[in-house]
Amino acid sequence: MKRIKIKELLSTAPSGQSVNVRGWVRTFRNNQFISINDGSTIQNVQAVVDFSSTEESLLKRITTGACLSVTGELVASPAKGQPVEIKVKQLEILGDCDAEKYPLQPKKHSLEFLREIAHLRSRTNTFGAVMRVRHAMAYAVHKFFNDRGFVYTHTPIITGSDAEGAGAMFKVTTLDLKKPARDEQGHINHKEDFFGRETNLTVSGQLEGETYALGLGEIYTFGPTFRAENSNTTRHLAEFWMIEPEMAFYDLKDNMELAEGFLKYLCKYALENCADDLDFLSKRAQEEEMTKPQDQRSELGLVDRLKFIVDNDFQRLTYTEAIDILKNSNPNKKKKFQYLIEEWGVDLQSEHERFLVEKHFKKPVILYNYPKDIKAFYMRQNEDNKTVGAMDVLFPGIGEIIGGSQREERYDQLLNRIHEMNLPEKELWWYLELRKFGSAPHSGFGLGFERLMLFVTGMTNIRDVIPFPRFPGSAEF
């Protein structure tokens, strides 16, 4: 008999029809009631066995974690909270589970413990919900851009350029690390390497994305990126996914409008398509909030946070205006900020960004026109020669969620900026050449997918919103 997924089964009217489900045992009570989950939904289905006519040896093999195939009659359930159940006619154990050694027991496990068994954590309610929401958000990203005529462009994972200029990159080499080839000066000779030059894992697909935007008009990338920062925090990963649209003929205002529309679309999609999982994650987040001190608790629940994004127009203001607000704010005057705002030109911290969103404006915020000294070389320089056409979108709970800019399309200004920042002009020849051959105004931004996932799921550690997290000292799975 063809298997039916539990998600579909639970919306099926019971009429005594024969059905087959396959999944993993969550609980088995009184030698009669089996709770089964197949990953298609956070909901389980109850299968009822007639223990009087079932072999005792088979019943002993029905343990938490075992994989079953159950065929039986779909009937209305007398139990509260479940519309249907299965009266078992045939039961097959597809995979036994050693109950004494199986680490996932029917109890609450800490997220730290589940990271140690990342190969099994998808079977828990929390990670099942998170990964289904992750899938929905990835689909929504592609649908948003596809419906607006953007071209999905695969930019390289291995690159010779450092888009951010930060230098925190993973090197890629096939040279013998014990005896690498060396030149006459004793330096490692990368001409003998696989690509004939020094290469790294990419930190961003932006620069390559710009080349295709200046030919196809509007493109986006959505792929893995890598940063070799030794940051052991709840907000950093060594491998993470980035969404990076690049658009020809967009100025900074167009860029801000796209970013706002994009984020509203994603949050609305989650509310409309992930209700069961968001309901579970919302309750979980609320329980976690109650463990925090009163002054550190979020004023908005998970679902309300998503509605907060969908229902509010984003407040736009310049970096300079934001600095004035922060300098004169009570937390700054009373020295409650960890990083006090004393002068123009400082880089804003999460506490400042959250104050603007959660306390001052009480709506999402887009800051723009940042000091050029704290921004990347490729951002378009404004006429004041002090600021660049950069923008950051700020959300409640997390601060910056999107960073972007109008790109510098003028050759001389871009070359001067590269020299100012002591960047290797030789390695950026092709990027500069774009400004020689039919250059055009263009803009783009980057959204870290895992940072979006933190916001949408209410999880507090970025290692829990990606299937297999990579961070300092950990690449086991």
Protein backbone atom coordinates (compact mmCIF):
# COMPACT_ATOMS: atom_id res chain seq x y z
CA MET A 1 0.00 0.00 0.00
CA LYS A 2 1.21 3.52 -0.81
CA ARG A 3 2.36 5.52 2.20
CA ILE A 4 0.48 8.68 3.20
CA LYS A 5 2.31 11.48 5.01
CA ILE A 6 1.01 12.30 8.49
CA LYS A 7 0.47 15.95 7.54
CA GLU A 8 -1.95 14.86 4.82
CA LEU A 9 -3.47 12.14 7.00
CA LEU A 10 -4.44 14.58 9.75
CA SER A 11 -6.53 16.61 7.31
CA THR A 12 -8.30 13.51 5.97
CA ALA A 13 -11.87 12.78 7.03
CA PRO A 14 -12.05 9.35 8.73
CA SER A 15 -14.32 6.89 6.95
CA GLY A 16 -12.79 3.57 7.88
CA GLN A 17 -10.44 3.64 4.88
CA SER A 18 -7.21 1.65 4.96
CA VAL A 19 -4.04 3.77 5.26
CA ASN A 20 -0.30 3.25 5.66
CA VAL A 21 2.04 5.55 7.56
CA ARG A 22 5.74 5.19 8.20
CA GLY A 23 7.74 7.06 10.78
CA TRP A 24 9.58 7.03 14.10
CA VAL A 25 8.13 6.19 17.48
CA ARG A 26 7.91 9.13 19.84
CA THR A 27 6.20 7.23 22.67
CA PHE A 28 4.61 3.82 23.24
CA ARG A 29 2.14 3.62 26.14
CA ASN A 30 0.42 0.70 27.82
CA ASN A 31 1.52 -1.72 25.12
CA GLN A 32 -1.25 -0.21 23.00
CA PHE A 33 -0.82 3.45 21.99
CA ILE A 34 2.00 4.33 19.59
CA SER A 35 2.74 8.00 18.83
CA ILE A 36 4.39 8.24 15.42
CA ASN A 37 6.02 11.18 13.63
CA ASP A 38 7.35 11.20 10.06
CA GLY A 39 8.79 14.74 9.90
CA SER A 40 6.10 16.12 7.57
CA THR A 41 4.47 18.01 10.46
CA ILE A 42 5.08 18.76 14.11
CA GLN A 43 1.92 16.76 14.88
CA ASN A 44 2.08 13.03 15.67
CA VAL A 45 -0.49 10.41 14.75
CA GLN A 46 -1.63 7.81 17.24
CA ALA A 47 -1.68 4.19 16.15
CA VAL A 48 -3.64 1.79 18.40
CA VAL A 49 -2.53 -1.84 18.48
CA ASP A 50 -4.53 -4.77 19.80
CA PHE A 51 -1.95 -6.04 22.26
CA SER A 52 -3.96 -9.22 22.90
CA SER A 53 -3.46 -10.37 19.32
CA THR A 54 0.03 -8.93 18.76
CA GLU A 55 3.11 -11.03 19.34
CA GLU A 56 4.87 -10.11 22.59
CA SER A 57 8.28 -10.23 20.85
CA LEU A 58 7.08 -7.60 18.37
CA LEU A 59 5.68 -5.34 21.11
CA LYS A 60 9.05 -5.39 22.88
CA ARG A 61 10.70 -4.00 19.75
CA ILE A 62 8.41 -0.96 19.67
CA THR A 63 10.63 1.50 21.51
CA THR A 64 11.18 5.25 21.31
CA GLY A 65 13.21 5.90 18.16
CA ALA A 66 12.24 2.71 16.34
CA CYS A 67 11.07 3.11 12.73
CA LEU A 68 7.70 1.55 11.89
CA SER A 69 5.39 0.92 8.98
CA VAL A 70 1.79 0.84 10.17
CA THR A 71 -1.21 -0.17 8.10
CA GLY A 72 -4.72 0.06 9.46
CA GLU A 73 -8.14 1.66 9.53
CA LEU A 74 -8.42 5.45 9.80
CA VAL A 75 -11.05 6.27 12.41
CA ALA A 76 -12.17 9.29 14.43
CA SER A 77 -10.19 9.56 17.65
CA PRO A 78 -11.99 9.68 20.99
CA ALA A 79 -8.92 11.28 22.56
CA LYS A 80 -8.74 15.04 23.03
CA GLY A 81 -6.54 17.04 20.66
CA GLN A 82 -6.32 14.58 17.78
CA PRO A 83 -8.94 14.28 15.04
CA VAL A 84 -8.04 10.80 13.81
CA GLU A 85 -6.12 7.69 14.79
CA ILE A 86 -5.20 4.40 13.17
CA LYS A 87 -6.54 1.02 14.28
CA VAL A 88 -3.55 -1.14 13.43
CA LYS A 89 -4.11 -4.20 11.22
CA GLN A 90 -0.51 -4.75 10.18
CA LEU A 91 2.71 -3.53 11.79
CA GLU A 92 6.25 -3.85 10.49
CA ILE A 93 9.42 -2.68 12.21
CA LEU A 94 11.64 -1.09 9.57
CA GLY A 95 14.44 -0.22 11.96
CA ASP A 96 15.01 -1.31 15.57
CA CYS A 97 16.30 1.17 18.12
CA ASP A 98 18.39 0.22 21.14
CA ALA A 99 16.25 1.85 23.84
CA GLU A 100 18.98 1.78 26.47
CA LYS A 101 21.50 3.62 24.26
CA TYR A 102 19.17 5.91 22.30
CA PRO A 103 19.99 9.45 23.51
CA LEU A 104 16.61 11.01 22.65
CA GLN A 105 14.22 10.04 25.39
CA PRO A 106 10.66 11.43 25.83
CA LYS A 107 11.82 14.42 27.87
CA LYS A 108 13.16 17.91 27.29
CA HIS A 109 16.82 17.99 26.23
CA SER A 110 19.08 21.02 26.34
CA LEU A 111 20.11 22.60 23.05
CA GLU A 112 23.76 22.19 24.06
CA PHE A 113 23.23 18.43 24.40
CA LEU A 114 21.42 18.24 21.05
CA ARG A 115 24.35 19.95 19.31
CA GLU A 116 26.49 17.03 20.48
CA ILE A 117 24.15 14.63 18.66
CA ALA A 118 23.45 16.76 15.60
CA HIS A 119 22.90 13.60 13.53
CA LEU A 120 19.76 12.83 15.57
CA ARG A 121 18.39 16.23 16.54
CA SER A 122 16.14 16.48 13.47
CA ARG A 123 13.85 13.98 15.25
CA THR A 124 13.01 16.42 18.02
CA ASN A 125 10.01 18.76 17.89
CA THR A 126 12.22 21.85 18.09
CA PHE A 127 14.55 21.00 15.24
CA GLY A 128 11.83 19.49 13.11
CA ALA A 129 9.97 22.80 13.39
CA VAL A 130 13.07 24.93 12.76
CA MET A 131 14.09 22.98 9.65
CA ARG A 132 10.60 23.01 8.14
CA VAL A 133 10.52 26.80 8.63
CA ARG A 134 14.01 27.00 7.10
CA HIS A 135 12.75 25.13 4.04
CA ALA A 136 9.74 27.45 3.77
CA MET A 137 11.93 30.55 4.03
CA ALA A 138 14.36 29.27 1.37
CA TYR A 139 11.43 28.61 -0.97
CA ALA A 140 9.99 32.07 -0.23
CA VAL A 141 13.34 33.71 -1.08
CA HIS A 142 13.40 32.08 -4.51
CA LYS A 143 9.71 32.79 -5.13
CA PHE A 144 10.08 36.48 -4.21
CA PHE A 145 12.91 37.08 -6.66
CA ASN A 146 11.60 34.78 -9.38
CA ASP A 147 8.22 36.52 -9.38
CA ARG A 148 10.00 39.87 -9.86
CA GLY A 149 12.10 38.77 -12.81
CA PHE A 150 15.44 38.34 -11.02
CA VAL A 151 17.92 35.77 -12.36
CA TYR A 152 19.30 33.27 -9.84
CA THR A 153 23.08 33.33 -10.32
CA HIS A 154 25.53 30.85 -8.83
CA THR A 155 28.66 32.70 -7.78
CA PRO A 156 31.85 30.74 -7.01
CA ILE A 157 32.65 29.24 -3.63
CA ILE A 158 36.39 29.35 -4.40
CA THR A 159 37.66 32.86 -5.10
CA GLY A 160 40.83 34.89 -5.40
CA SER A 161 39.26 38.10 -4.05
CA ASP A 162 38.32 39.29 -0.58
CA ALA A 163 35.01 41.12 -1.04
CA GLU A 164 34.97 42.48 2.51
CA GLY A 165 38.65 43.38 2.73
CA ALA A 166 38.74 41.88 6.23
CA GLY A 167 41.18 39.09 5.46
CA ALA A 168 39.39 36.49 7.61
CA MET A 169 39.26 33.84 4.90
CA PHE A 170 39.81 30.09 4.67
CA LYS A 171 42.69 29.27 2.34
CA VAL A 172 42.20 26.64 -0.37
CA THR A 173 45.27 24.73 -1.52
CA THR A 174 46.44 21.38 -2.87
CA LEU A 175 50.07 22.04 -1.96
CA ASP A 176 51.77 19.60 0.40
CA LEU A 177 51.44 21.40 3.75
CA LYS A 178 54.47 19.55 5.14
CA LYS A 179 56.67 20.53 2.18
CA PRO A 180 54.99 23.31 0.20
CA ALA A 181 56.64 24.50 -3.01
CA ARG A 182 58.68 27.67 -2.44
CA ASP A 183 60.06 30.37 -4.72
CA GLU A 184 63.60 31.76 -4.75
CA GLN A 185 62.80 34.09 -1.85
CA GLY A 186 61.57 31.17 0.25
CA HIS A 187 57.91 32.18 0.04
CA ILE A 188 55.20 29.61 -0.71
CA ASN A 189 54.96 29.38 -4.48
CA HIS A 190 51.27 29.49 -5.32
CA LYS A 191 52.08 29.21 -9.01
CA GLU A 192 52.58 25.53 -8.25
CA ASP A 193 49.15 25.32 -6.61
CA PHE A 194 46.03 23.91 -8.29
CA PHE A 195 44.73 27.27 -9.53
CA GLY A 196 48.18 28.79 -10.07
CA ARG A 197 47.46 31.49 -7.49
CA GLU A 198 46.40 31.96 -3.87
CA THR A 199 42.69 31.15 -3.40
CA ASN A 200 40.16 31.13 -0.57
CA LEU A 201 36.61 30.17 0.29
CA THR A 202 34.33 33.09 -0.49
CA VAL A 203 33.06 35.53 2.14
CA SER A 204 30.51 36.98 -0.29
CA GLY A 205 29.19 36.53 -3.82
CA GLN A 206 28.64 40.27 -4.20
CA LEU A 207 31.53 41.26 -6.47
CA GLU A 208 30.86 38.43 -8.90
CA GLY A 209 27.13 39.15 -8.62
CA GLU A 210 27.70 42.72 -9.77
CA THR A 211 29.24 41.48 -13.02
CA TYR A 212 26.02 39.67 -13.91
CA ALA A 213 23.74 42.49 -12.75
CA LEU A 214 25.58 44.69 -15.25
CA GLY A 215 24.52 42.36 -18.02
CA LEU A 216 21.26 40.75 -16.89
CA GLY A 217 19.81 43.69 -14.97
CA GLU A 218 18.63 42.08 -11.74
CA ILE A 219 20.19 38.98 -10.22
CA TYR A 220 20.48 37.33 -6.81
CA THR A 221 22.77 34.79 -5.24
CA PHE A 222 21.82 32.41 -2.43
CA GLY A 223 24.63 30.18 -1.29
CA PRO A 224 27.18 29.29 1.38
CA THR A 225 29.84 31.76 2.51
CA PHE A 226 32.75 31.33 4.90
CA ARG A 227 34.51 33.48 7.51
CA ALA A 228 37.57 32.34 9.41
CA GLU A 229 36.82 34.51 12.45
CA ASN A 230 37.64 32.94 15.79
CA SER A 231 34.28 34.07 17.22
CA ASN A 232 32.66 31.68 19.66
CA THR A 233 29.40 33.56 20.09
CA THR A 234 25.70 32.85 19.64
CA ARG A 235 25.69 35.05 16.50
CA HIS A 236 28.67 33.71 14.54
CA LEU A 237 29.20 30.73 12.24
CA ALA A 238 32.21 29.84 10.11
CA GLU A 239 29.91 28.59 7.34
CA PHE A 240 26.60 30.29 6.69
CA TRP A 241 24.26 31.13 3.81
CA MET A 242 23.88 34.56 2.24
CA ILE A 243 21.15 36.04 0.05
CA GLU A 244 22.64 38.79 -2.10
CA PRO A 245 20.62 40.58 -4.80
CA GLU A 246 22.39 43.00 -7.15
CA MET A 247 20.38 45.37 -9.33
CA ALA A 248 21.41 47.57 -12.24
CA PHE A 249 19.77 51.02 -12.40
CA TYR A 250 18.82 50.95 -8.69
CA ASP A 251 19.83 53.89 -6.52
CA LEU A 252 19.95 53.82 -2.72
CA LYS A 253 16.24 54.61 -2.39
CA ASP A 254 15.31 51.77 -4.76
CA ASN A 255 17.57 49.47 -2.74
CA MET A 256 15.82 50.37 0.53
CA GLU A 257 12.39 49.80 -1.01
CA LEU A 258 13.39 46.35 -2.27
CA ALA A 259 14.86 45.36 1.11
CA GLU A 260 11.73 46.44 2.97
CA GLY A 261 9.43 44.65 0.55
CA PHE A 262 11.58 41.52 0.70
CA LEU A 263 11.57 41.29 4.50
CA LYS A 264 7.83 41.95 4.74
CA TYR A 265 7.21 39.23 2.15
CA LEU A 266 9.29 36.66 4.06
CA CYS A 267 7.63 37.38 7.40
CA LYS A 268 4.16 37.27 5.85
CA TYR A 269 4.99 33.99 4.10
CA ALA A 270 6.05 32.46 7.41
CA LEU A 271 2.83 33.57 9.13
CA GLU A 272 0.67 32.19 6.33
CA ASN A 273 2.49 28.90 5.69
CA CYS A 274 4.18 27.80 8.93
CA ALA A 275 1.38 28.22 11.48
CA ASP A 276 1.77 24.90 13.36
CA ASP A 277 5.54 25.17 13.64
CA LEU A 278 5.43 28.85 14.60
CA ASP A 279 2.84 28.10 17.28
CA PHE A 280 5.16 25.50 18.81
CA LEU A 281 8.25 27.72 18.50
CA SER A 282 6.34 30.69 19.93
CA LYS A 283 5.44 28.74 23.08
CA ARG A 284 9.02 27.52 23.35
CA ALA A 285 10.38 31.08 23.00
CA GLN A 286 7.92 32.34 25.61
CA GLU A 287 9.11 29.73 28.10
CA GLU A 288 12.70 30.77 27.44
CA GLU A 289 11.85 34.45 27.90
CA MET A 290 10.41 33.72 31.35
CA THR A 291 13.82 32.46 32.50
CA LYS A 292 15.38 35.88 31.80
CA PRO A 293 15.43 38.84 34.20
CA GLN A 294 12.37 41.07 33.82
CA ASP A 295 14.28 43.95 32.20
CA GLN A 296 15.78 41.67 29.54
CA ARG A 297 12.53 40.11 28.34
CA SER A 298 11.21 40.93 24.89
CA GLU A 299 7.99 42.91 24.82
CA LEU A 300 6.80 41.06 21.71
CA GLY A 301 6.08 37.36 21.30
CA LEU A 302 7.37 35.50 18.26
CA VAL A 303 4.23 35.81 16.13
CA ASP A 304 3.74 39.43 17.19
CA ARG A 305 7.32 40.19 16.11
CA LEU A 306 6.59 38.87 12.63
CA LYS A 307 3.38 40.90 12.47
CA PHE A 308 5.37 43.93 13.70
CA ILE A 309 7.45 43.70 10.50
CA VAL A 310 4.51 43.08 8.18
CA ASP A 311 2.24 45.79 9.62
CA ASN A 312 4.70 48.69 9.99
CA ASP A 313 6.29 50.98 7.44
CA PHE A 314 10.03 51.03 8.06
CA GLN A 315 11.37 54.27 9.54
CA ARG A 316 14.18 55.76 7.44
CA LEU A 317 16.78 58.15 8.77
CA THR A 318 20.41 59.03 8.19
CA TYR A 319 23.26 57.78 10.35
CA THR A 320 23.83 61.41 11.42
CA GLU A 321 20.21 61.73 12.62
CA ALA A 322 20.54 58.43 14.48
CA ILE A 323 23.71 59.59 16.24
CA ASP A 324 21.92 62.73 17.47
CA ILE A 325 19.04 60.64 18.83
CA LEU A 326 21.39 58.20 20.55
CA LYS A 327 23.64 60.91 22.05
CA ASN A 328 20.61 62.55 23.65
CA SER A 329 18.90 59.33 24.74
CA ASN A 330 18.41 58.48 28.41
CA PRO A 331 20.46 55.23 28.21
CA ASN A 332 23.39 57.22 26.84
CA LYS A 333 23.05 60.13 29.29
CA LYS A 334 22.68 57.74 32.23
CA LYS A 335 25.54 55.60 30.90
CA LYS A 336 23.42 52.48 30.60
CA PHE A 337 24.75 51.70 27.13
CA GLN A 338 27.75 49.41 27.24
CA TYR A 339 29.21 51.45 24.38
CA LEU A 340 28.51 55.15 24.93
CA ILE A 341 27.84 57.37 21.92
CA GLU A 342 30.12 60.38 22.22
CA GLU A 343 30.96 61.44 18.68
CA TRP A 344 30.00 61.11 15.03
CA GLY A 345 31.80 58.36 13.16
CA VAL A 346 31.54 55.46 15.60
CA ASP A 347 30.21 52.09 14.47
CA LEU A 348 26.82 51.37 16.03
CA GLN A 349 26.40 48.32 18.24
CA SER A 350 23.40 46.02 18.58
CA GLU A 351 22.26 47.82 21.74
CA HIS A 352 22.06 51.11 19.84
CA GLU A 353 20.24 49.58 16.90
CA ARG A 354 17.71 47.85 19.15
CA PHE A 355 17.09 51.08 21.08
CA LEU A 356 16.16 52.87 17.87
CA VAL A 357 13.80 50.06 16.82
CA GLU A 358 12.27 48.94 20.11
CA LYS A 359 12.26 52.09 22.25
CA HIS A 360 12.49 55.21 20.10
CA PHE A 361 10.59 54.56 16.87
CA LYS A 362 8.83 51.30 17.82
CA LYS A 363 9.05 50.11 14.23
CA PRO A 364 11.72 48.61 11.93
CA VAL A 365 14.39 51.13 10.96
CA ILE A 366 16.57 51.71 7.90
CA LEU A 367 19.70 53.77 8.54
CA TYR A 368 21.57 55.18 5.56
CA ASN A 369 24.49 57.42 4.59
CA TYR A 370 27.13 56.04 6.96
CA PRO A 371 30.65 57.42 7.48
CA LYS A 372 32.84 56.09 4.69
CA ASP A 373 35.64 55.22 7.14
CA ILE A 374 33.59 52.41 8.71
CA LYS A 375 32.24 50.98 5.45
CA ALA A 376 33.57 48.85 2.57
CA PHE A 377 35.51 50.16 -0.43
CA TYR A 378 32.81 49.42 -3.00
CA MET A 379 30.14 51.75 -1.54
CA ARG A 380 29.27 54.89 -3.51
CA GLN A 381 30.85 58.04 -2.07
CA ASN A 382 28.49 60.93 -1.39
CA GLU A 383 29.21 64.53 -2.38
CA ASP A 384 30.15 65.47 1.20
CA ASN A 385 33.20 63.17 0.88
CA LYS A 386 32.48 61.99 4.43
CA THR A 387 29.68 59.48 3.91
CA VAL A 388 28.78 56.69 1.52
CA GLY A 389 25.42 55.47 0.21
CA ALA A 390 25.21 52.57 2.64
CA MET A 391 22.09 51.26 4.34
CA ASP A 392 21.36 48.89 7.23
CA VAL A 393 17.93 47.47 8.07
CA LEU A 394 17.38 47.09 11.82
CA PHE A 395 14.94 44.63 13.45
CA PRO A 396 13.70 44.15 17.02
CA GLY A 397 15.60 41.61 19.06
CA ILE A 398 18.64 41.36 16.81
CA GLY A 399 19.56 44.76 15.40
CA GLU A 400 21.04 44.72 11.88
CA ILE A 401 19.49 42.09 9.61
CA ILE A 402 20.40 43.52 6.18
CA GLY A 403 23.43 45.51 5.07
CA GLY A 404 23.67 47.05 1.63
CA SER A 405 24.60 50.05 -0.46
CA GLN A 406 24.56 51.77 -3.77
CA ARG A 407 27.76 50.53 -5.39
CA GLU A 408 30.45 52.93 -6.63
CA GLU A 409 30.00 52.95 -10.42
CA ARG A 410 32.63 55.65 -11.14
CA TYR A 411 36.09 54.34 -12.07
CA ASP A 412 38.25 57.13 -10.61
CA GLN A 413 36.41 57.25 -7.27
CA LEU A 414 36.56 53.46 -6.91
CA LEU A 415 40.27 53.33 -7.76
CA ASN A 416 41.04 56.10 -5.26
CA ARG A 417 39.13 54.26 -2.56
CA ILE A 418 41.01 51.03 -3.27
CA HIS A 419 44.28 52.92 -2.87
CA GLU A 420 43.08 54.66 0.31
CA MET A 421 42.32 51.30 1.89
CA ASN A 422 45.55 49.68 0.64
CA LEU A 423 43.66 46.99 -1.23
CA PRO A 424 45.36 45.00 -4.02
CA GLU A 425 44.43 46.79 -7.26
CA LYS A 426 45.98 43.96 -9.26
CA GLU A 427 43.50 41.41 -7.87
CA LEU A 428 40.51 43.69 -8.49
CA TRP A 429 41.33 44.51 -12.15
CA TRP A 430 38.17 42.87 -13.46
CA TYR A 431 35.97 44.63 -10.89
CA LEU A 432 37.49 47.97 -11.87
CA GLU A 433 37.07 47.16 -15.55
CA LEU A 434 33.30 46.97 -15.09
CA ARG A 435 33.50 50.74 -14.53
CA LYS A 436 35.24 51.21 -17.90
CA PHE A 437 32.90 49.28 -20.15
CA GLY A 438 29.34 50.58 -19.94
CA SER A 439 29.15 51.25 -16.23
CA ALA A 440 25.75 51.99 -14.71
CA PRO A 441 24.34 53.02 -11.33
CA HIS A 442 23.62 49.85 -9.38
CA SER A 443 22.88 48.68 -5.85
CA GLY A 444 22.57 45.56 -3.74
CA PHE A 445 22.39 44.15 -0.25
CA GLY A 446 23.13 41.05 1.78
CA LEU A 447 20.87 39.12 4.13
CA GLY A 448 22.40 36.40 6.28
CA PHE A 449 19.92 33.53 6.03
CA GLU A 450 20.69 32.19 9.50
CA ARG A 451 20.17 35.64 11.02
CA LEU A 452 16.76 35.73 9.35
CA MET A 453 16.10 32.27 10.76
CA LEU A 454 16.91 33.45 14.29
CA PHE A 455 14.28 36.15 13.91
CA VAL A 456 11.58 33.97 12.34
CA THR A 457 11.98 30.99 14.70
CA GLY A 458 12.75 32.77 17.97
CA MET A 459 15.84 30.63 18.54
CA THR A 460 18.64 32.41 20.37
CA ASN A 461 21.74 30.58 19.12
CA ILE A 462 22.65 30.65 15.44
CA ARG A 463 24.04 27.12 15.74
CA ASP A 464 20.49 25.87 16.14
CA VAL A 465 19.04 27.20 12.87
CA ILE A 466 21.42 25.43 10.47
CA PRO A 467 21.49 21.63 10.10
CA PHE A 468 25.21 21.16 10.80
CA PRO A 469 26.85 24.23 12.37
CA ARG A 470 30.49 25.03 11.72
CA PHE A 471 32.23 27.09 14.39
CA PRO A 472 35.71 27.24 15.99
CA GLY A 473 36.71 23.77 17.12
CA SER A 474 33.70 22.02 15.63
CA ALA A 475 33.28 20.30 12.25
CA GLU A 476 32.38 16.82 13.47
CA PHE A 477 29.22 16.02 11.57
